[in-house]
């Protein structure tokens, strides 16, 4: 009987080490710069996030974003 209890306890300990919760937040670092974009087929100056336009698509409720503004003016993001 004692061996069965030990086996169950060992199994529970192994499961507790494997089953780890996922971080509820997504973390991003954005470098905001100017660049040349052509959304309508004509090259023009635009704002890039990490070198891309449009910026990244985020599907989450809990996000933490570190923004580094490398523009010549203040930068505002709204959701």
Protein backbone atom coordinates (compact mmCIF):
# COMPACT_ATOMS: atom_id res chain seq x y z
CA UNK A 1 0.00 0.00 0.00
CA UNK A 2 2.85 2.35 0.79
CA UNK A 3 4.36 1.87 -2.68
CA UNK A 4 1.10 2.98 -4.35
CA UNK A 5 1.04 6.23 -2.34
CA UNK A 6 4.64 6.92 -3.23
CA UNK A 7 3.92 6.36 -6.93
CA UNK A 8 0.97 8.77 -6.82
CA UNK A 9 3.03 11.40 -4.98
CA UNK A 10 5.86 11.04 -7.53
CA UNK A 11 3.41 11.39 -10.43
CA UNK A 12 1.87 14.53 -8.89
CA UNK A 13 5.30 16.08 -8.38
CA UNK A 14 6.24 15.38 -12.01
CA UNK A 15 2.99 16.94 -13.25
CA UNK A 16 3.50 20.05 -11.11
CA UNK A 17 6.94 20.57 -12.67
CA UNK A 18 5.59 20.21 -16.23
CA UNK A 19 2.35 22.20 -15.89
CA UNK A 20 3.48 25.80 -15.78
CA UNK A 21 1.12 28.70 -16.38
CA UNK A 22 1.53 31.00 -19.35
CA UNK A 23 2.36 34.66 -18.74
CA UNK A 24 -0.93 36.62 -19.09
CA UNK A 25 0.90 39.53 -20.75
CA UNK A 26 2.51 39.91 -24.18
CA UNK A 27 5.63 42.08 -24.20
CA UNK A 28 6.75 44.16 -27.20
CA UNK A 29 9.53 46.63 -27.96
CA UNK A 30 8.76 49.08 -30.74
CA UNK A 31 11.27 51.33 -32.50
CA UNK A 32 9.30 54.05 -34.28
CA UNK A 33 11.11 55.62 -37.25
CA UNK A 34 10.48 57.33 -40.57
CA UNK A 35 10.77 55.38 -43.80
CA UNK A 36 9.59 55.28 -47.38
CA UNK A 37 6.26 53.52 -47.91
CA UNK A 38 4.02 53.11 -50.97
CA UNK A 39 0.54 52.21 -49.69
CA UNK A 40 -1.11 53.76 -52.78
CA UNK A 41 1.65 52.94 -55.25
CA UNK A 42 3.40 56.30 -54.84
CA UNK A 43 6.51 56.45 -52.60
CA UNK A 44 6.06 58.76 -49.62
CA UNK A 45 7.47 59.35 -46.16
CA UNK A 46 5.69 57.31 -43.49
CA UNK A 47 6.01 56.10 -39.94
CA UNK A 48 7.35 52.58 -39.43
CA UNK A 49 7.20 50.36 -36.38
CA UNK A 50 10.23 48.08 -36.24
CA UNK A 51 10.84 48.84 -39.92
CA UNK A 52 7.40 47.75 -41.11
CA UNK A 53 4.18 49.38 -42.32
CA UNK A 54 1.51 48.75 -41.28
CA UNK A 55 2.61 47.98 -37.76
CA UNK A 56 2.24 44.56 -36.14
CA UNK A 57 -1.18 42.99 -35.58
CA UNK A 58 -1.79 42.27 -31.89
CA UNK A 59 -4.58 39.95 -30.73
CA UNK A 60 -4.53 40.21 -26.94
CA UNK A 61 -6.09 42.07 -24.04
CA UNK A 62 -2.99 42.29 -21.84
CA UNK A 63 0.01 43.91 -23.49
CA UNK A 64 3.08 45.81 -22.36
CA UNK A 65 4.79 47.88 -25.05
CA UNK A 66 8.07 49.76 -24.71
CA UNK A 67 8.08 52.47 -27.39
CA UNK A 68 11.26 54.20 -28.52
CA UNK A 69 10.33 57.32 -30.48
CA UNK A 70 13.05 58.04 -33.06
CA UNK A 71 10.92 60.64 -34.85
CA UNK A 72 11.53 64.40 -34.95
CA UNK A 73 8.22 65.02 -33.15
CA UNK A 74 6.04 63.51 -30.43
CA UNK A 75 4.27 60.27 -31.30
CA UNK A 76 0.79 59.24 -30.11
CA UNK A 77 -0.84 55.81 -30.36
CA UNK A 78 -4.50 55.25 -29.55
CA UNK A 79 -6.56 52.08 -29.41
